[in-house]
Amino acid sequence: QVQLVESGGGLVQPGGSLRLSCAASGSSFSILVIRWYRQAPGKQRELVATITFGGSMLYADSVKGRFTISRDIAKNTVYLQMNSLKPEDTAVYYCNADLSGRAGGNYWGQGTQVTVSS
């Protein structure tokens, strides 16, 4: 069974930084794509950033130049470095992955809260 576990959320002041992690655990899988989504109260879930294990990266316009997605293939972990945070970045951030192999499929993590407030 595959699990995605996010960590690194918390409370930060405007202009601050956080780094989120998404670790995939289990067996019989290879990661194809990992995405970070976020959902603020009363709003639809928004795709923030995507990385393929070929190294291609995509960002939402709202976070370009401030967020960086990266991966550690050996650890099956993807990171989201968030700099120059704004109050409008406040949301629950979710990790989502497309996996291949016997455990292949689409998986979601449980989410981690990011709050940007003074």
PDB file of N, CA and C in Angstrom:
ATOM      1  N   GLN A   1       0.847  -1.189   0.000  1.00  0.00           N
ATOM      2  CA  GLN A   1       0.000   0.000   0.000  1.00  0.00           C
ATOM      3  C   GLN A   1       0.884   1.241   0.000  1.00  0.00           C
ATOM      4  N   VAL A   2       0.486   2.228  -0.773  1.00  0.00           N
ATOM      5  CA  VAL A   2       1.265   3.454  -0.901  1.00  0.00           C
ATOM      6  C   VAL A   2       0.636   4.544  -0.039  1.00  0.00           C
ATOM      7  N   GLN A   3       1.485   5.293   0.612  1.00  0.00           N
ATOM      8  CA  GLN A   3       1.027   6.457   1.369  1.00  0.00           C
ATOM      9  C   GLN A   3       1.826   7.675   0.965  1.00  0.00           C
ATOM     10  N   LEU A   4       1.138   8.809   0.908  1.00  0.00           N
ATOM     11  CA  LEU A   4       1.798  10.102   0.746  1.00  0.00           C
ATOM     12  C   LEU A   4       1.648  10.859   2.054  1.00  0.00           C
ATOM     13  N   VAL A   5       2.756  11.311   2.585  1.00  0.00           N
ATOM     14  CA  VAL A   5       2.710  12.015   3.861  1.00  0.00           C
ATOM     15  C   VAL A   5       3.343  13.382   3.693  1.00  0.00           C
ATOM     16  N   GLU A   6       2.541  14.422   3.949  1.00  0.00           N
ATOM     17  CA  GLU A   6       3.048  15.790   3.871  1.00  0.00           C
ATOM     18  C   GLU A   6       3.517  16.235   5.253  1.00  0.00           C
ATOM     19  N   SER A   7       4.461  17.146   5.254  1.00  0.00           N
ATOM     20  CA  SER A   7       4.911  17.767   6.494  1.00  0.00           C
ATOM     21  C   SER A   7       5.472  19.138   6.174  1.00  0.00           C
ATOM     22  N   GLY A   8       5.676  19.930   7.219  1.00  0.00           N
ATOM     23  CA  GLY A   8       6.329  21.222   7.043  1.00  0.00           C
ATOM     24  C   GLY A   8       5.418  22.431   7.112  1.00  0.00           C
ATOM     25  N   GLY A   9       4.120  22.218   7.240  1.00  0.00           N
ATOM     26  CA  GLY A   9       3.219  23.357   7.342  1.00  0.00           C
ATOM     27  C   GLY A   9       3.354  24.054   8.683  1.00  0.00           C
ATOM     28  N   GLY A  10       2.689  25.201   8.809  1.00  0.00           N
ATOM     29  CA  GLY A  10       2.727  25.933  10.061  1.00  0.00           C
ATOM     30  C   GLY A  10       2.281  27.357   9.881  1.00  0.00           C
ATOM     31  N   LEU A  11       2.568  28.151  10.909  1.00  0.00           N
ATOM     32  CA  LEU A  11       2.222  29.577  10.914  1.00  0.00           C
ATOM     33  C   LEU A  11       3.478  30.382  10.620  1.00  0.00           C
ATOM     34  N   VAL A  12       3.370  31.314   9.692  1.00  0.00           N
ATOM     35  CA  VAL A  12       4.514  32.135   9.326  1.00  0.00           C
ATOM     36  C   VAL A  12       4.024  33.550   9.044  1.00  0.00           C
ATOM     37  N   GLN A  13       4.876  34.518   9.287  1.00  0.00           N
ATOM     38  CA  GLN A  13       4.523  35.908   9.019  1.00  0.00           C
ATOM     39  C   GLN A  13       4.633  36.214   7.531  1.00  0.00           C
ATOM     40  N   PRO A  14       3.894  37.190   7.057  1.00  0.00           N
ATOM     41  CA  PRO A  14       4.041  37.608   5.650  1.00  0.00           C
ATOM     42  C   PRO A  14       5.496  37.920   5.333  1.00  0.00           C
ATOM     43  N   GLY A  15       5.921  37.461   4.166  1.00  0.00           N
ATOM     44  CA  GLY A  15       7.306  37.624   3.764  1.00  0.00           C
ATOM     45  C   GLY A  15       8.203  36.481   4.180  1.00  0.00           C
ATOM     46  N   GLY A  16       7.689  35.603   5.016  1.00  0.00           N
ATOM     47  CA  GLY A  16       8.478  34.476   5.500  1.00  0.00           C
ATOM     48  C   GLY A  16       8.509  33.309   4.535  1.00  0.00           C
ATOM     49  N   SER A  17       9.146  32.227   4.991  1.00  0.00           N
ATOM     50  CA  SER A  17       9.337  31.040   4.156  1.00  0.00           C
ATOM     51  C   SER A  17       8.946  29.783   4.913  1.00  0.00           C
ATOM     52  N   LEU A  18       8.536  28.795   4.160  1.00  0.00           N
ATOM     53  CA  LEU A  18       8.297  27.445   4.667  1.00  0.00           C
ATOM     54  C   LEU A  18       8.720  26.460   3.585  1.00  0.00           C
ATOM     55  N   ARG A  19       9.087  25.264   4.020  1.00  0.00           N
ATOM     56  CA  ARG A  19       9.346  24.191   3.060  1.00  0.00           C
ATOM     57  C   ARG A  19       8.461  23.012   3.403  1.00  0.00           C
ATOM     58  N   LEU A  20       7.625  22.639   2.447  1.00  0.00           N
ATOM     59  CA  LEU A  20       6.774  21.473   2.604  1.00  0.00           C
ATOM     60  C   LEU A  20       7.466  20.248   2.003  1.00  0.00           C
ATOM     61  N   SER A  21       7.189  19.099   2.597  1.00  0.00           N
ATOM     62  CA  SER A  21       7.707  17.831   2.076  1.00  0.00           C
ATOM     63  C   SER A  21       6.549  16.886   1.808  1.00  0.00           C
ATOM     64  N   CYS A  22       6.718  16.075   0.793  1.00  0.00           N
ATOM     65  CA  CYS A  22       5.750  15.025   0.478  1.00  0.00           C
ATOM     66  C   CYS A  22       6.550  13.749   0.245  1.00  0.00           C
ATOM     67  N   ALA A  23       6.406  12.798   1.153  1.00  0.00           N
ATOM     68  CA  ALA A  23       7.149  11.548   1.065  1.00  0.00           C
ATOM     69  C   ALA A  23       6.208  10.417   0.691  1.00  0.00           C
ATOM     70  N   ALA A  24       6.600   9.673  -0.340  1.00  0.00           N
ATOM     71  CA  ALA A  24       5.823   8.506  -0.769  1.00  0.00           C
ATOM     72  C   ALA A  24       6.455   7.255  -0.182  1.00  0.00           C
ATOM     73  N   SER A  25       5.655   6.471   0.502  1.00  0.00           N
ATOM     74  CA  SER A  25       6.164   5.244   1.113  1.00  0.00           C
ATOM     75  C   SER A  25       5.346   4.061   0.644  1.00  0.00           C
ATOM     76  N   GLY A  26       5.948   2.892   0.719  1.00  0.00           N
ATOM     77  CA  GLY A  26       5.288   1.682   0.275  1.00  0.00           C
ATOM     78  C   GLY A  26       6.210   0.921  -0.636  1.00  0.00           C
ATOM     79  N   SER A  27       5.621   0.098  -1.476  1.00  0.00           N
ATOM     80  CA  SER A  27       6.446  -0.693  -2.377  1.00  0.00           C
ATOM     81  C   SER A  27       5.733  -0.871  -3.710  1.00  0.00           C
ATOM     82  N   SER A  28       6.484  -1.382  -4.676  1.00  0.00           N
ATOM     83  CA  SER A  28       5.945  -1.727  -5.990  1.00  0.00           C
ATOM     84  C   SER A  28       5.386  -0.527  -6.735  1.00  0.00           C
ATOM     85  N   PHE A  29       6.115   0.584  -6.690  1.00  0.00           N
ATOM     86  CA  PHE A  29       5.665   1.735  -7.450  1.00  0.00           C
ATOM     87  C   PHE A  29       6.865   2.536  -7.944  1.00  0.00           C
ATOM     88  N   SER A  30       6.596   3.323  -8.970  1.00  0.00           N
ATOM     89  CA  SER A  30       7.508   4.357  -9.435  1.00  0.00           C
ATOM     90  C   SER A  30       6.696   5.639  -9.576  1.00  0.00           C
ATOM     91  N   ILE A  31       7.307   6.738  -9.224  1.00  0.00           N
ATOM     92  CA  ILE A  31       6.605   8.012  -9.284  1.00  0.00           C
ATOM     93  C   ILE A  31       6.721   8.592 -10.682  1.00  0.00           C
ATOM     94  N   LEU A  32       5.575   8.941 -11.242  1.00  0.00           N
ATOM     95  CA  LEU A  32       5.553   9.588 -12.555  1.00  0.00           C
ATOM     96  C   LEU A  32       5.482  11.102 -12.421  1.00  0.00           C
ATOM     97  N   VAL A  33       4.527  11.550 -11.637  1.00  0.00           N
ATOM     98  CA  VAL A  33       4.283  12.986 -11.468  1.00  0.00           C
ATOM     99  C   VAL A  33       3.855  13.229 -10.029  1.00  0.00           C
ATOM    100  N   ILE A  34       4.344  14.333  -9.445  1.00  0.00           N
ATOM    101  CA  ILE A  34       3.819  14.764  -8.149  1.00  0.00           C
ATOM    102  C   ILE A  34       3.381  16.216  -8.282  1.00  0.00           C
ATOM    103  N   ARG A  35       2.236  16.495  -7.724  1.00  0.00           N
ATOM    104  CA  ARG A  35       1.654  17.837  -7.760  1.00  0.00           C
ATOM    105  C   ARG A  35       1.389  18.327  -6.346  1.00  0.00           C
ATOM    106  N   TRP A  36       1.481  19.614  -6.162  1.00  0.00           N
ATOM    107  CA  TRP A  36       1.016  20.268  -4.946  1.00  0.00           C
ATOM    108  C   TRP A  36      -0.232  21.063  -5.294  1.00  0.00           C
ATOM    109  N   TYR A  37      -1.287  20.829  -4.538  1.00  0.00           N
ATOM    110  CA  TYR A  37      -2.520  21.603  -4.615  1.00  0.00           C
ATOM    111  C   TYR A  37      -2.691  22.351  -3.301  1.00  0.00           C
ATOM    112  N   ARG A  38      -3.543  23.348  -3.337  1.00  0.00           N
ATOM    113  CA  ARG A  38      -3.930  24.001  -2.092  1.00  0.00           C
ATOM    114  C   ARG A  38      -5.410  24.349  -2.149  1.00  0.00           C
ATOM    115  N   GLN A  39      -5.999  24.410  -0.968  1.00  0.00           N
ATOM    116  CA  GLN A  39      -7.409  24.770  -0.869  1.00  0.00           C
ATOM    117  C   GLN A  39      -7.608  25.689   0.316  1.00  0.00           C
ATOM    118  N   ALA A  40      -8.040  26.899   0.028  1.00  0.00           N
ATOM    119  CA  ALA A  40      -8.357  27.865   1.061  1.00  0.00           C
ATOM    120  C   ALA A  40      -9.842  27.730   1.421  1.00  0.00           C
ATOM    121  N   PRO A  41     -10.222  28.159   2.614  1.00  0.00           N
ATOM    122  CA  PRO A  41     -11.628  28.053   3.032  1.00  0.00           C
ATOM    123  C   PRO A  41     -12.555  28.743   2.032  1.00  0.00           C
ATOM    124  N   GLY A  42     -13.586  28.026   1.614  1.00  0.00           N
ATOM    125  CA  GLY A  42     -14.568  28.585   0.701  1.00  0.00           C
ATOM    126  C   GLY A  42     -14.131  28.681  -0.745  1.00  0.00           C
ATOM    127  N   LYS A  43     -12.948  28.140  -1.046  1.00  0.00           N
ATOM    128  CA  LYS A  43     -12.440  28.225  -2.423  1.00  0.00           C
ATOM    129  C   LYS A  43     -12.209  26.837  -2.984  1.00  0.00           C
ATOM    130  N   GLN A  44     -12.112  26.780  -4.324  1.00  0.00           N
ATOM    131  CA  GLN A  44     -11.832  25.517  -4.975  1.00  0.00           C
ATOM    132  C   GLN A  44     -10.365  25.144  -4.811  1.00  0.00           C
ATOM    133  N   ARG A  45     -10.114  23.844  -4.898  1.00  0.00           N
ATOM    134  CA  ARG A  45      -8.734  23.387  -4.830  1.00  0.00           C
ATOM    135  C   ARG A  45      -7.980  23.895  -6.055  1.00  0.00           C
ATOM    136  N   GLU A  46      -6.774  24.387  -5.828  1.00  0.00           N
ATOM    137  CA  GLU A  46      -5.964  25.027  -6.864  1.00  0.00           C
ATOM    138  C   GLU A  46      -4.647  24.267  -7.048  1.00  0.00           C
ATOM    139  N   LEU A  47      -4.288  24.005  -8.298  1.00  0.00           N
ATOM    140  CA  LEU A  47      -2.996  23.387  -8.594  1.00  0.00           C
ATOM    141  C   LEU A  47      -1.912  24.447  -8.470  1.00  0.00           C
ATOM    142  N   VAL A  48      -0.923  24.166  -7.638  1.00  0.00           N
ATOM    143  CA  VAL A  48       0.129  25.134  -7.345  1.00  0.00           C
ATOM    144  C   VAL A  48       1.395  24.843  -8.146  1.00  0.00           C
ATOM    145  N   ALA A  49       1.836  23.596  -8.119  1.00  0.00           N
ATOM    146  CA  ALA A  49       3.096  23.244  -8.774  1.00  0.00           C
ATOM    147  C   ALA A  49       3.100  21.766  -9.116  1.00  0.00           C
ATOM    148  N   THR A  50       3.849  21.434 -10.172  1.00  0.00           N
ATOM    149  CA  THR A  50       3.949  20.057 -10.659  1.00  0.00           C
ATOM    150  C   THR A  50       5.395  19.753 -10.980  1.00  0.00           C
ATOM    151  N   ILE A  51       5.811  18.526 -10.685  1.00  0.00           N
ATOM    152  CA  ILE A  51       7.135  18.075 -11.115  1.00  0.00           C
ATOM    153  C   ILE A  51       7.028  16.640 -11.591  1.00  0.00           C
ATOM    154  N   THR A  52       7.650  16.365 -12.725  1.00  0.00           N
ATOM    155  CA  THR A  52       7.731  14.991 -13.214  1.00  0.00           C
ATOM    156  C   THR A  52       9.075  14.419 -12.796  1.00  0.00           C
ATOM    157  N   PHE A  53       9.180  13.090 -12.828  1.00  0.00           N
ATOM    158  CA  PHE A  53      10.468  12.535 -12.440  1.00  0.00           C
ATOM    159  C   PHE A  53      11.456  12.559 -13.581  1.00  0.00           C
ATOM    160  N   GLY A  54      11.012  13.159 -14.703  1.00  0.00           N
ATOM    161  CA  GLY A  54      11.978  13.533 -15.732  1.00  0.00           C
ATOM    162  C   GLY A  54      12.527  14.917 -15.475  1.00  0.00           C
ATOM    163  N   GLY A  55      11.962  15.621 -14.484  1.00  0.00           N
ATOM    164  CA  GLY A  55      12.501  16.914 -14.094  1.00  0.00           C
ATOM    165  C   GLY A  55      11.745  18.125 -14.592  1.00  0.00           C
ATOM    166  N   SER A  56      10.647  17.947 -15.320  1.00  0.00           N
ATOM    167  CA  SER A  56       9.885  19.099 -15.790  1.00  0.00           C
ATOM    168  C   SER A  56       9.078  19.701 -14.641  1.00  0.00           C
ATOM    169  N   MET A  57       9.026  21.020 -14.592  1.00  0.00           N
ATOM    170  CA  MET A  57       8.323  21.716 -13.513  1.00  0.00           C
ATOM    171  C   MET A  57       7.355  22.736 -14.099  1.00  0.00           C
ATOM    172  N   LEU A  58       6.205  22.859 -13.451  1.00  0.00           N
ATOM    173  CA  LEU A  58       5.209  23.847 -13.835  1.00  0.00           C
ATOM    174  C   LEU A  58       4.700  24.527 -12.581  1.00  0.00           C
ATOM    175  N   TYR A  59       4.356  25.813 -12.717  1.00  0.00           N
ATOM    176  CA  TYR A  59       3.860  26.579 -11.571  1.00  0.00           C
ATOM    177  C   TYR A  59       2.609  27.365 -11.951  1.00  0.00           C
ATOM    178  N   ALA A  60       1.754  27.559 -10.962  1.00  0.00           N
ATOM    179  CA  ALA A  60       0.646  28.487 -11.132  1.00  0.00           C
ATOM    180  C   ALA A  60       1.215  29.903 -11.207  1.00  0.00           C
ATOM    181  N   ASP A  61       0.541  30.761 -11.960  1.00  0.00           N
ATOM    182  CA  ASP A  61       1.023  32.141 -12.087  1.00  0.00           C
ATOM    183  C   ASP A  61       1.119  32.827 -10.727  1.00  0.00           C
ATOM    184  N   SER A  62       0.233  32.470  -9.826  1.00  0.00           N
ATOM    185  CA  SER A  62       0.184  33.127  -8.519  1.00  0.00           C
ATOM    186  C   SER A  62       1.402  32.842  -7.649  1.00  0.00           C
ATOM    187  N   VAL A  63       2.176  31.813  -7.984  1.00  0.00           N
ATOM    188  CA  VAL A  63       3.325  31.465  -7.141  1.00  0.00           C
ATOM    189  C   VAL A  63       4.657  31.521  -7.890  1.00  0.00           C
ATOM    190  N   LYS A  64       4.620  31.802  -9.174  1.00  0.00           N
ATOM    191  CA  LYS A  64       5.858  31.849  -9.957  1.00  0.00           C
ATOM    192  C   LYS A  64       6.824  32.867  -9.376  1.00  0.00           C
ATOM    193  N   GLY A  65       8.071  32.452  -9.276  1.00  0.00           N
ATOM    194  CA  GLY A  65       9.098  33.333  -8.724  1.00  0.00           C
ATOM    195  C   GLY A  65       9.183  33.309  -7.216  1.00  0.00           C
ATOM    196  N   ARG A  66       8.190  32.699  -6.563  1.00  0.00           N
ATOM    197  CA  ARG A  66       8.216  32.628  -5.094  1.00  0.00           C
ATOM    198  C   ARG A  66       8.321  31.184  -4.595  1.00  0.00           C
ATOM    199  N   PHE A  67       7.722  30.260  -5.298  1.00  0.00           N
ATOM    200  CA  PHE A  67       7.733  28.854  -4.891  1.00  0.00           C
ATOM    201  C   PHE A  67       8.653  28.064  -5.822  1.00  0.00           C
ATOM    202  N   THR A  68       9.295  27.055  -5.248  1.00  0.00           N
ATOM    203  CA  THR A  68      10.144  26.156  -6.034  1.00  0.00           C
ATOM    204  C   THR A  68       9.837  24.720  -5.655  1.00  0.00           C
ATOM    205  N   ILE A  69       9.538  23.906  -6.643  1.00  0.00           N
ATOM    206  CA  ILE A  69       9.306  22.485  -6.420  1.00  0.00           C
ATOM    207  C   ILE A  69      10.566  21.722  -6.808  1.00  0.00           C
ATOM    208  N   SER A  70      10.904  20.724  -5.999  1.00  0.00           N
ATOM    209  CA  SER A  70      12.096  19.916  -6.272  1.00  0.00           C
ATOM    210  C   SER A  70      11.851  18.508  -5.772  1.00  0.00           C
ATOM    211  N   ARG A  71      12.773  17.598  -6.136  1.00  0.00           N
ATOM    212  CA  ARG A  71      12.571  16.216  -5.683  1.00  0.00           C
ATOM    213  C   ARG A  71      13.884  15.544  -5.331  1.00  0.00           C
ATOM    214  N   ASP A  72      13.773  14.576  -4.456  1.00  0.00           N
ATOM    215  CA  ASP A  72      14.880  13.689  -4.110  1.00  0.00           C
ATOM    216  C   ASP A  72      14.420  12.291  -4.521  1.00  0.00           C
ATOM    217  N   ILE A  73      14.903  11.855  -5.673  1.00  0.00           N
ATOM    218  CA  ILE A  73      14.422  10.583  -6.213  1.00  0.00           C
ATOM    219  C   ILE A  73      14.736   9.421  -5.286  1.00  0.00           C
ATOM    220  N   ALA A  74      15.907   9.431  -4.694  1.00  0.00           N
ATOM    221  CA  ALA A  74      16.318   8.321  -3.820  1.00  0.00           C
ATOM    222  C   ALA A  74      15.398   8.188  -2.611  1.00  0.00           C
ATOM    223  N   LYS A  75      14.847   9.319  -2.168  1.00  0.00           N
ATOM    224  CA  LYS A  75      13.984   9.307  -0.987  1.00  0.00           C
ATOM    225  C   LYS A  75      12.506   9.290  -1.351  1.00  0.00           C
ATOM    226  N   ASN A  76      12.187   9.266  -2.647  1.00  0.00           N
ATOM    227  CA  ASN A  76      10.775   9.347  -3.086  1.00  0.00           C
ATOM    228  C   ASN A  76      10.067  10.525  -2.415  1.00  0.00           C
ATOM    229  N   THR A  77      10.743  11.647  -2.395  1.00  0.00           N
ATOM    230  CA  THR A  77      10.231  12.823  -1.697  1.00  0.00           C
ATOM    231  C   THR A  77      10.269  14.033  -2.612  1.00  0.00           C
ATOM    232  N   VAL A  78       9.227  14.828  -2.528  1.00  0.00           N
ATOM    233  CA  VAL A  78       9.145  16.079  -3.264  1.00  0.00           C
ATOM    234  C   VAL A  78       8.992  17.211  -2.251  1.00  0.00           C
ATOM    235  N   TYR A  79       9.619  18.325  -2.555  1.00  0.00           N
ATOM    236  CA  TYR A  79       9.602  19.483  -1.664  1.00  0.00           C
ATOM    237  C   TYR A  79       8.933  20.666  -2.362  1.00  0.00           C
ATOM    238  N   LEU A  80       8.347  21.525  -1.569  1.00  0.00           N
ATOM    239  CA  LEU A  80       7.843  22.797  -2.075  1.00  0.00           C
ATOM    240  C   LEU A  80       8.409  23.894  -1.190  1.00  0.00           C
ATOM    241  N   GLN A  81       9.404  24.599  -1.714  1.00  0.00           N
ATOM    242  CA  GLN A  81       9.990  25.721  -1.003  1.00  0.00           C
ATOM    243  C   GLN A  81       9.152  26.953  -1.297  1.00  0.00           C
ATOM    244  N   MET A  82       8.628  27.551  -0.255  1.00  0.00           N
ATOM    245  CA  MET A  82       7.735  28.692  -0.411  1.00  0.00           C
ATOM    246  C   MET A  82       8.375  29.916   0.230  1.00  0.00           C
ATOM    247  N   ASN A  83       8.698  30.894  -0.575  1.00  0.00           N
ATOM    248  CA  ASN A  83       9.317  32.129  -0.107  1.00  0.00           C
ATOM    249  C   ASN A  83       8.385  33.309  -0.332  1.00  0.00           C
ATOM    250  N   SER A  84       8.680  34.410   0.323  1.00  0.00           N
ATOM    251  CA  SER A  84       7.879  35.639   0.177  1.00  0.00           C
ATOM    252  C   SER A  84       6.395  35.343   0.330  1.00  0.00           C
ATOM    253  N   LEU A  85       6.076  34.627   1.372  1.00  0.00           N
ATOM    254  CA  LEU A  85       4.688  34.190   1.563  1.00  0.00           C
ATOM    255  C   LEU A  85       3.769  35.368   1.829  1.00  0.00           C
ATOM    256  N   LYS A  86       2.551  35.233   1.324  1.00  0.00           N
ATOM    257  CA  LYS A  86       1.526  36.263   1.448  1.00  0.00           C
ATOM    258  C   LYS A  86       0.321  35.679   2.197  1.00  0.00           C
ATOM    259  N   PRO A  87      -0.489  36.527   2.793  1.00  0.00           N
ATOM    260  CA  PRO A  87      -1.693  36.008   3.466  1.00  0.00           C
ATOM    261  C   PRO A  87      -2.580  35.178   2.537  1.00  0.00           C
ATOM    262  N   GLU A  88      -2.604  35.523   1.266  1.00  0.00           N
ATOM    263  CA  GLU A  88      -3.438  34.770   0.325  1.00  0.00           C
ATOM    264  C   GLU A  88      -2.878  33.388   0.009  1.00  0.00           C
ATOM    265  N   ASP A  89      -1.689  33.076   0.497  1.00  0.00           N
ATOM    266  CA  ASP A  89      -1.155  31.718   0.366  1.00  0.00           C
ATOM    267  C   ASP A  89      -1.696  30.790   1.457  1.00  0.00           C
ATOM    268  N   THR A  90      -2.419  31.352   2.399  1.00  0.00           N
ATOM    269  CA  THR A  90      -2.992  30.545   3.473  1.00  0.00           C
ATOM    270  C   THR A  90      -3.967  29.516   2.911  1.00  0.00           C
ATOM    271  N   ALA A  91      -3.734  28.255   3.241  1.00  0.00           N
ATOM    272  CA  ALA A  91      -4.546  27.165   2.703  1.00  0.00           C
ATOM    273  C   ALA A  91      -4.062  25.851   3.304  1.00  0.00           C
ATOM    274  N   VAL A  92      -4.841  24.801   3.057  1.00  0.00           N
ATOM    275  CA  VAL A  92      -4.337  23.449   3.287  1.00  0.00           C
ATOM    276  C   VAL A  92      -3.662  23.006   1.991  1.00  0.00           C
ATOM    277  N   TYR A  93      -2.435  22.561   2.108  1.00  0.00           N
ATOM    278  CA  TYR A  93      -1.661  22.136   0.954  1.00  0.00           C
ATOM    279  C   TYR A  93      -1.661  20.607   0.891  1.00  0.00           C
ATOM    280  N   TYR A  94      -1.982  20.099  -0.292  1.00  0.00           N
ATOM    281  CA  TYR A  94      -2.094  18.661  -0.510  1.00  0.00           C
ATOM    282  C   TYR A  94      -1.096  18.207  -1.567  1.00  0.00           C
ATOM    283  N   CYS A  95      -0.547  17.043  -1.335  1.00  0.00           N
ATOM    284  CA  CYS A  95       0.322  16.379  -2.280  1.00  0.00           C
ATOM    285  C   CYS A  95      -0.505  15.349  -3.048  1.00  0.00           C
ATOM    286  N   ASN A  96      -0.259  15.270  -4.358  1.00  0.00           N
ATOM    287  CA  ASN A  96      -0.987  14.337  -5.214  1.00  0.00           C
ATOM    288  C   ASN A  96       0.018  13.693  -6.158  1.00  0.00           C
ATOM    289  N   ALA A  97      -0.084  12.380  -6.329  1.00  0.00           N
ATOM    290  CA  ALA A  97       0.906  11.686  -7.156  1.00  0.00           C
ATOM    291  C   ALA A  97       0.263  10.708  -8.114  1.00  0.00           C
ATOM    292  N   ASP A  98       0.840  10.632  -9.296  1.00  0.00           N
ATOM    293  CA  ASP A  98       0.545   9.573 -10.257  1.00  0.00           C
ATOM    294  C   ASP A  98       1.680   8.574 -10.168  1.00  0.00           C
ATOM    295  N   LEU A  99       1.335   7.319  -9.879  1.00  0.00           N
ATOM    296  CA  LEU A  99       2.335   6.276  -9.718  1.00  0.00           C
ATOM    297  C   LEU A  99       2.129   5.191 -10.754  1.00  0.00           C
ATOM    298  N   SER A 100       3.227   4.557 -11.151  1.00  0.00           N
ATOM    299  CA  SER A 100       3.148   3.387 -12.015  1.00  0.00           C
ATOM    300  C   SER A 100       3.612   2.166 -11.229  1.00  0.00           C
ATOM    301  N   GLY A 101       3.416   0.983 -11.817  1.00  0.00           N
ATOM    302  CA  GLY A 101       3.799  -0.248 -11.145  1.00  0.00           C
ATOM    303  C   GLY A 101       2.596  -0.949 -10.568  1.00  0.00           C
ATOM    304  N   ARG A 102       2.881  -2.010  -9.780  1.00  0.00           N
ATOM    305  CA  ARG A 102       1.770  -2.791  -9.216  1.00  0.00           C
ATOM    306  C   ARG A 102       0.885  -1.957  -8.312  1.00  0.00           C
ATOM    307  N   ALA A 103       1.490  -0.965  -7.645  1.00  0.00           N
ATOM    308  CA  ALA A 103       0.712  -0.062  -6.788  1.00  0.00           C
ATOM    309  C   ALA A 103       0.322   1.205  -7.533  1.00  0.00           C
ATOM    310  N   GLY A 104       0.302   1.125  -8.842  1.00  0.00           N
ATOM    311  CA  GLY A 104       0.032   2.310  -9.646  1.00  0.00           C
ATOM    312  C   GLY A 104      -1.339   2.904  -9.425  1.00  0.00           C
ATOM    313  N   GLY A 105      -1.450   4.199  -9.676  1.00  0.00           N
ATOM    314  CA  GLY A 105      -2.719   4.878  -9.504  1.00  0.00           C
ATOM    315  C   GLY A 105      -2.475   6.317  -9.104  1.00  0.00           C
ATOM    316  N   ASN A 106      -3.543   6.996  -8.708  1.00  0.00           N
ATOM    317  CA  ASN A 106      -3.462   8.375  -8.263  1.00  0.00           C
ATOM    318  C   ASN A 106      -3.705   8.424  -6.763  1.00  0.00           C
ATOM    319  N   TYR A 107      -2.815   9.079  -6.050  1.00  0.00           N
ATOM    320  CA  TYR A 107      -2.870   9.097  -4.585  1.00  0.00           C
ATOM    321  C   TYR A 107      -2.847  10.530  -4.076  1.00  0.00           C
ATOM    322  N   TRP A 108      -3.494  10.720  -2.911  1.00  0.00           N
ATOM    323  CA  TRP A 108      -3.501  12.009  -2.228  1.00  0.00           C
ATOM    324  C   TRP A 108      -2.929  11.856  -0.827  1.00  0.00           C
ATOM    325  N   GLY A 109      -2.258  12.899  -0.375  1.00  0.00           N
ATOM    326  CA  GLY A 109      -1.857  12.973   1.016  1.00  0.00           C
ATOM    327  C   GLY A 109      -2.982  13.550   1.854  1.00  0.00           C
ATOM    328  N   GLN A 110      -2.722  13.670   3.156  1.00  0.00           N
ATOM    329  CA  GLN A 110      -3.757  14.104   4.087  1.00  0.00           C
ATOM    330  C   GLN A 110      -3.846  15.619   4.184  1.00  0.00           C
ATOM    331  N   GLY A 111      -2.848  16.315   3.689  1.00  0.00           N
ATOM    332  CA  GLY A 111      -2.849  17.774   3.721  1.00  0.00           C
ATOM    333  C   GLY A 111      -2.076  18.325   4.904  1.00  0.00           C
ATOM    334  N   THR A 112      -1.524  19.513   4.713  1.00  0.00           N
ATOM    335  CA  THR A 112      -0.829  20.211   5.788  1.00  0.00           C
ATOM    336  C   THR A 112      -1.231  21.688   5.730  1.00  0.00           C
ATOM    337  N   GLN A 113      -1.530  22.255   6.887  1.00  0.00           N
ATOM    338  CA  GLN A 113      -2.030  23.630   6.956  1.00  0.00           C
ATOM    339  C   GLN A 113      -0.878  24.617   6.895  1.00  0.00           C
ATOM    340  N   VAL A 114      -1.031  25.603   6.029  1.00  0.00           N
ATOM    341  CA  VAL A 114      -0.108  26.735   5.965  1.00  0.00           C
ATOM    342  C   VAL A 114      -0.917  27.997   6.257  1.00  0.00           C
ATOM    343  N   THR A 115      -0.487  28.735   7.262  1.00  0.00           N
ATOM    344  CA  THR A 115      -1.161  29.975   7.630  1.00  0.00           C
ATOM    345  C   THR A 115      -0.152  31.109   7.595  1.00  0.00           C
ATOM    346  N   VAL A 116      -0.457  32.132   6.811  1.00  0.00           N
ATOM    347  CA  VAL A 116       0.419  33.296   6.692  1.00  0.00           C
ATOM    348  C   VAL A 116      -0.311  34.477   7.320  1.00  0.00           C
ATOM    349  N   SER A 117       0.196  34.906   8.456  1.00  0.00           N
ATOM    350  CA  SER A 117      -0.486  35.951   9.204  1.00  0.00           C
ATOM    351  C   SER A 117       0.484  36.640  10.137  1.00  0.00           C
ATOM    352  N   SER A 118       0.244  37.925  10.356  1.00  0.00           N
ATOM    353  CA  SER A 118       1.048  38.665  11.321  1.00  0.00           C
ATOM    354  C   SER A 118       0.374  38.641  12.692  1.00  0.00           C
TER     355      SER A 118
END
